[in-house]
Amino acid sequence: MPNMSPAEIVASLKELCASEGPRITTGQIVRWIEKNGGYETDAELIAFAKKMKARQYARLLFYEDEESGMRIKRLWSFRDRESGQRYYADILQLPEERRRKLVRQYAKFVEQLRSVRRAMADYFAGQEFFEFYVGEEAPEAWGQAGKPERNGANAPVLTPGKRRGDNRS
């Protein structure tokens, strides 16, 4: 069977979700991709695995901020828009005042993110504690009037409205 393109693999996952959902394991996804010829040659897989392992190790390097007591990822990856190359920025290389400001902003953001992740995990575990779950109408939160679109698990499909500075239509 010929190799599938990344777009074809992603599109085929819809079929897996329809037949095996709503809960799917990583192992099921791996077997699905193998069955459908979506993996590259062994040499390409090994090269890809090495990149992923390097990224994993980079994510494990932390900076302990003495002022806040927080442990923060030290290396932050980003893609250069022009070259497409991935680079890592070391927050210890930032000027001290800029790093302090970054840590303060990070602390605010990480707490908000934890709350959202907890709420979403609770939702998918069947613990619908909050009003914004199934049945709520919140047009302003969805960027359009009317009820939010629902997926097969009756969870809202999150379609963000236009963000500030986003000029795409």
C-alpha atoms as a PDB file:
ATOM      1  CA  MET A   1       0.000   0.000   0.000  1.00  0.00           C
ATOM      2  CA  PRO A   2       1.481   3.422  -0.921  1.00  0.00           C
ATOM      3  CA  ASN A   3       2.293   5.918   1.805  1.00  0.00           C
ATOM      4  CA  MET A   4      -0.402   8.422   2.637  1.00  0.00           C
ATOM      5  CA  SER A   5       0.290  12.149   2.832  1.00  0.00           C
ATOM      6  CA  PRO A   6      -0.118  13.851   6.231  1.00  0.00           C
ATOM      7  CA  ALA A   7      -3.383  15.429   5.015  1.00  0.00           C
ATOM      8  CA  GLU A   8      -4.705  12.007   3.956  1.00  0.00           C
ATOM      9  CA  ILE A   9      -3.757  10.513   7.327  1.00  0.00           C
ATOM     10  CA  VAL A  10      -5.550  13.288   9.209  1.00  0.00           C
ATOM     11  CA  ALA A  11      -8.608  12.948   6.961  1.00  0.00           C
ATOM     12  CA  SER A  12      -8.639   9.168   7.489  1.00  0.00           C
ATOM     13  CA  LEU A  13      -8.636   9.655  11.275  1.00  0.00           C
ATOM     14  CA  LYS A  14     -12.220  10.932  10.929  1.00  0.00           C
ATOM     15  CA  GLU A  15     -13.174   7.415   9.851  1.00  0.00           C
ATOM     16  CA  LEU A  16     -11.375   5.944  12.871  1.00  0.00           C
ATOM     17  CA  CYS A  17     -13.192   8.362  15.180  1.00  0.00           C
ATOM     18  CA  ALA A  18     -16.558   7.420  13.652  1.00  0.00           C
ATOM     19  CA  SER A  19     -15.942   3.686  13.967  1.00  0.00           C
ATOM     20  CA  GLU A  20     -14.003   3.502  17.257  1.00  0.00           C
ATOM     21  CA  GLY A  21     -14.952   6.687  19.137  1.00  0.00           C
ATOM     22  CA  PRO A  22     -15.722   8.474  21.337  1.00  0.00           C
ATOM     23  CA  ARG A  23     -12.623   7.318  23.287  1.00  0.00           C
ATOM     24  CA  ILE A  24      -9.561   6.355  21.280  1.00  0.00           C
ATOM     25  CA  THR A  25      -6.127   5.353  22.544  1.00  0.00           C
ATOM     26  CA  THR A  26      -2.783   6.340  21.060  1.00  0.00           C
ATOM     27  CA  GLY A  27      -2.232   2.651  20.287  1.00  0.00           C
ATOM     28  CA  GLN A  28      -5.426   2.565  18.214  1.00  0.00           C
ATOM     29  CA  ILE A  29      -4.244   5.581  16.239  1.00  0.00           C
ATOM     30  CA  VAL A  30      -0.812   3.982  15.650  1.00  0.00           C
ATOM     31  CA  ARG A  31      -2.417   0.725  14.434  1.00  0.00           C
ATOM     32  CA  TRP A  32      -4.797   2.703  12.186  1.00  0.00           C
ATOM     33  CA  ILE A  33      -1.949   4.607  10.552  1.00  0.00           C
ATOM     34  CA  GLU A  34       0.064   1.381  10.100  1.00  0.00           C
ATOM     35  CA  LYS A  35      -2.946  -0.404   8.573  1.00  0.00           C
ATOM     36  CA  ASN A  36      -3.494   2.455   6.128  1.00  0.00           C
ATOM     37  CA  GLY A  37       0.150   2.763   5.051  1.00  0.00           C
ATOM     38  CA  GLY A  38       0.666   6.138   6.655  1.00  0.00           C
ATOM     39  CA  TYR A  39       4.172   5.607   8.014  1.00  0.00           C
ATOM     40  CA  GLU A  40       7.290   6.467   6.089  1.00  0.00           C
ATOM     41  CA  THR A  41      10.378   4.283   5.636  1.00  0.00           C
ATOM     42  CA  ASP A  42      12.212   3.017   8.714  1.00  0.00           C
ATOM     43  CA  ALA A  43      15.053   5.513   8.156  1.00  0.00           C
ATOM     44  CA  GLU A  44      12.573   8.435   7.982  1.00  0.00           C
ATOM     45  CA  LEU A  45      10.789   7.187  11.109  1.00  0.00           C
ATOM     46  CA  ILE A  46      14.069   6.905  12.991  1.00  0.00           C
ATOM     47  CA  ALA A  47      15.081  10.449  11.991  1.00  0.00           C
ATOM     48  CA  PHE A  48      11.650  11.733  13.054  1.00  0.00           C
ATOM     49  CA  ALA A  49      11.816   9.825  16.367  1.00  0.00           C
ATOM     50  CA  LYS A  50      15.237  11.374  17.073  1.00  0.00           C
ATOM     51  CA  LYS A  51      13.822  14.872  16.520  1.00  0.00           C
ATOM     52  CA  MET A  52      10.871  14.137  18.792  1.00  0.00           C
ATOM     53  CA  LYS A  53      13.159  12.731  21.494  1.00  0.00           C
ATOM     54  CA  ALA A  54      15.355  15.858  21.288  1.00  0.00           C
ATOM     55  CA  ARG A  55      12.253  18.043  21.643  1.00  0.00           C
ATOM     56  CA  GLN A  56      11.120  15.942  24.626  1.00  0.00           C
ATOM     57  CA  TYR A  57      14.468  16.459  26.380  1.00  0.00           C
ATOM     58  CA  ALA A  58      14.373  20.194  25.621  1.00  0.00           C
ATOM     59  CA  ARG A  59      10.924  20.356  27.285  1.00  0.00           C
ATOM     60  CA  LEU A  60      12.350  18.694  30.406  1.00  0.00           C
ATOM     61  CA  LEU A  61      14.898  21.446  31.087  1.00  0.00           C
ATOM     62  CA  PHE A  62      13.483  23.772  33.735  1.00  0.00           C
ATOM     63  CA  TYR A  63      14.372  27.093  35.312  1.00  0.00           C
ATOM     64  CA  GLU A  64      13.544  27.555  38.999  1.00  0.00           C
ATOM     65  CA  ASP A  65      12.608  31.174  39.592  1.00  0.00           C
ATOM     66  CA  GLU A  66      13.707  32.072  43.109  1.00  0.00           C
ATOM     67  CA  GLU A  67      11.483  35.150  43.343  1.00  0.00           C
ATOM     68  CA  SER A  68       8.203  33.381  42.529  1.00  0.00           C
ATOM     69  CA  GLY A  69       9.187  29.846  43.491  1.00  0.00           C
ATOM     70  CA  MET A  70       7.898  28.623  40.114  1.00  0.00           C
ATOM     71  CA  ARG A  71       9.453  25.957  37.927  1.00  0.00           C
ATOM     72  CA  ILE A  72       9.247  27.097  34.323  1.00  0.00           C
ATOM     73  CA  LYS A  73      10.313  25.531  31.080  1.00  0.00           C
ATOM     74  CA  ARG A  74      13.700  27.017  30.284  1.00  0.00           C
ATOM     75  CA  LEU A  75      13.727  26.401  26.514  1.00  0.00           C
ATOM     76  CA  TRP A  76      10.768  27.609  24.449  1.00  0.00           C
ATOM     77  CA  SER A  77      10.509  26.429  20.870  1.00  0.00           C
ATOM     78  CA  PHE A  78       9.273  28.503  17.988  1.00  0.00           C
ATOM     79  CA  ARG A  79       9.410  28.351  14.217  1.00  0.00           C
ATOM     80  CA  ASP A  80      11.149  31.028  12.232  1.00  0.00           C
ATOM     81  CA  ARG A  81       8.467  32.367   9.875  1.00  0.00           C
ATOM     82  CA  GLU A  82      10.829  32.799   6.965  1.00  0.00           C
ATOM     83  CA  SER A  83      12.907  29.617   7.097  1.00  0.00           C
ATOM     84  CA  GLY A  84      10.410  27.304   8.824  1.00  0.00           C
ATOM     85  CA  GLN A  85      13.308  26.133  11.025  1.00  0.00           C
ATOM     86  CA  ARG A  86      12.570  25.347  14.692  1.00  0.00           C
ATOM     87  CA  TYR A  87      14.624  27.276  17.234  1.00  0.00           C
ATOM     88  CA  TYR A  88      14.725  27.308  21.017  1.00  0.00           C
ATOM     89  CA  ALA A  89      14.865  30.465  23.105  1.00  0.00           C
ATOM     90  CA  ASP A  90      16.555  30.161  26.508  1.00  0.00           C
ATOM     91  CA  ILE A  91      14.739  32.354  29.040  1.00  0.00           C
ATOM     92  CA  LEU A  92      17.919  32.605  31.114  1.00  0.00           C
ATOM     93  CA  GLN A  93      19.436  34.588  28.242  1.00  0.00           C
ATOM     94  CA  LEU A  94      16.779  37.309  28.596  1.00  0.00           C
ATOM     95  CA  PRO A  95      17.611  40.513  30.481  1.00  0.00           C
ATOM     96  CA  GLU A  96      16.623  40.087  34.143  1.00  0.00           C
ATOM     97  CA  GLU A  97      13.732  42.592  34.121  1.00  0.00           C
ATOM     98  CA  ARG A  98      12.254  41.108  30.945  1.00  0.00           C
ATOM     99  CA  ARG A  99      12.520  37.592  32.445  1.00  0.00           C
ATOM    100  CA  ARG A 100      10.727  38.756  35.629  1.00  0.00           C
ATOM    101  CA  LYS A 101       7.913  40.217  33.551  1.00  0.00           C
ATOM    102  CA  LEU A 102       7.706  37.005  31.517  1.00  0.00           C
ATOM    103  CA  VAL A 103       7.489  34.920  34.707  1.00  0.00           C
ATOM    104  CA  ARG A 104       4.663  37.126  36.077  1.00  0.00           C
ATOM    105  CA  GLN A 105       2.728  36.853  32.809  1.00  0.00           C
ATOM    106  CA  TYR A 106       3.391  33.122  32.640  1.00  0.00           C
ATOM    107  CA  ALA A 107       2.066  32.636  36.198  1.00  0.00           C
ATOM    108  CA  LYS A 108      -1.240  34.334  35.294  1.00  0.00           C
ATOM    109  CA  PHE A 109      -1.611  32.419  32.056  1.00  0.00           C
ATOM    110  CA  VAL A 110      -0.695  28.998  33.480  1.00  0.00           C
ATOM    111  CA  GLU A 111      -3.362  29.276  36.197  1.00  0.00           C
ATOM    112  CA  GLN A 112      -6.022  30.186  33.622  1.00  0.00           C
ATOM    113  CA  LEU A 113      -4.920  27.304  31.439  1.00  0.00           C
ATOM    114  CA  ARG A 114      -5.055  24.856  34.366  1.00  0.00           C
ATOM    115  CA  SER A 115      -8.633  25.928  35.083  1.00  0.00           C
ATOM    116  CA  VAL A 116      -9.676  25.401  31.477  1.00  0.00           C
ATOM    117  CA  ARG A 117      -7.938  22.007  31.300  1.00  0.00           C
ATOM    118  CA  ARG A 118      -9.561  20.897  34.565  1.00  0.00           C
ATOM    119  CA  ALA A 119     -12.984  22.002  33.351  1.00  0.00           C
ATOM    120  CA  MET A 120     -12.552  20.197  30.022  1.00  0.00           C
ATOM    121  CA  ALA A 121     -11.244  17.033  31.726  1.00  0.00           C
ATOM    122  CA  ASP A 122     -14.182  17.131  34.165  1.00  0.00           C
ATOM    123  CA  TYR A 123     -16.578  17.582  31.264  1.00  0.00           C
ATOM    124  CA  PHE A 124     -15.244  14.568  29.374  1.00  0.00           C
ATOM    125  CA  ALA A 125     -15.278  12.541  32.607  1.00  0.00           C
ATOM    126  CA  GLY A 126     -19.014  13.276  32.829  1.00  0.00           C
ATOM    127  CA  GLN A 127     -18.825  15.800  35.656  1.00  0.00           C
ATOM    128  CA  GLU A 128     -20.741  18.756  34.282  1.00  0.00           C
ATOM    129  CA  PHE A 129     -20.180  21.220  37.122  1.00  0.00           C
ATOM    130  CA  PHE A 130     -20.362  24.479  35.221  1.00  0.00           C
ATOM    131  CA  GLU A 131     -23.176  26.339  33.489  1.00  0.00           C
ATOM    132  CA  PHE A 132     -21.361  26.628  30.166  1.00  0.00           C
ATOM    133  CA  TYR A 133     -21.726  22.920  29.464  1.00  0.00           C
ATOM    134  CA  VAL A 134     -24.409  21.228  27.388  1.00  0.00           C
ATOM    135  CA  GLY A 135     -27.532  23.243  26.737  1.00  0.00           C
ATOM    136  CA  GLU A 136     -26.180  26.722  27.400  1.00  0.00           C
ATOM    137  CA  GLU A 137     -26.555  29.439  24.845  1.00  0.00           C
ATOM    138  CA  ALA A 138     -23.692  31.909  24.882  1.00  0.00           C
ATOM    139  CA  PRO A 139     -23.546  33.653  21.511  1.00  0.00           C
ATOM    140  CA  GLU A 140     -20.943  36.187  22.610  1.00  0.00           C
ATOM    141  CA  ALA A 141     -18.586  33.387  23.608  1.00  0.00           C
ATOM    142  CA  TRP A 142     -18.848  31.763  20.186  1.00  0.00           C
ATOM    143  CA  GLY A 143     -18.468  34.859  18.063  1.00  0.00           C
ATOM    144  CA  GLN A 144     -21.842  34.364  16.350  1.00  0.00           C
ATOM    145  CA  ALA A 145     -25.479  34.457  17.363  1.00  0.00           C
ATOM    146  CA  GLY A 146     -27.183  31.174  18.063  1.00  0.00           C
ATOM    147  CA  LYS A 147     -26.282  27.901  19.729  1.00  0.00           C
ATOM    148  CA  PRO A 148     -22.775  26.505  19.459  1.00  0.00           C
ATOM    149  CA  GLU A 149     -22.218  23.608  17.064  1.00  0.00           C
ATOM    150  CA  ARG A 150     -22.069  20.203  18.793  1.00  0.00           C
ATOM    151  CA  ASN A 151     -19.913  17.189  18.047  1.00  0.00           C
ATOM    152  CA  GLY A 152     -20.965  13.526  18.353  1.00  0.00           C
ATOM    153  CA  ALA A 153     -20.289  13.446  22.115  1.00  0.00           C
ATOM    154  CA  ASN A 154     -22.690  16.394  22.553  1.00  0.00           C
ATOM    155  CA  ALA A 155     -19.757  18.612  23.540  1.00  0.00           C
ATOM    156  CA  PRO A 156     -19.601  22.082  22.035  1.00  0.00           C
ATOM    157  CA  VAL A 157     -17.283  22.432  19.087  1.00  0.00           C
ATOM    158  CA  LEU A 158     -15.057  25.335  20.013  1.00  0.00           C
ATOM    159  CA  THR A 159     -14.848  27.741  17.099  1.00  0.00           C
ATOM    160  CA  PRO A 160     -13.169  30.932  18.251  1.00  0.00           C
ATOM    161  CA  GLY A 161     -14.297  34.270  16.945  1.00  0.00           C
ATOM    162  CA  LYS A 162     -11.952  36.627  15.188  1.00  0.00           C
ATOM    163  CA  ARG A 163      -9.016  37.512  17.419  1.00  0.00           C
ATOM    164  CA  ARG A 164      -7.522  40.938  17.763  1.00  0.00           C
ATOM    165  CA  GLY A 165      -4.942  41.417  15.042  1.00  0.00           C
ATOM    166  CA  ASP A 166      -6.244  38.433  13.033  1.00  0.00           C
ATOM    167  CA  ASN A 167      -6.966  39.743   9.554  1.00  0.00           C
ATOM    168  CA  ARG A 168      -7.857  36.389   8.012  1.00  0.00           C
ATOM    169  CA  SER A 169     -11.444  35.923   6.878  1.00  0.00           C
END
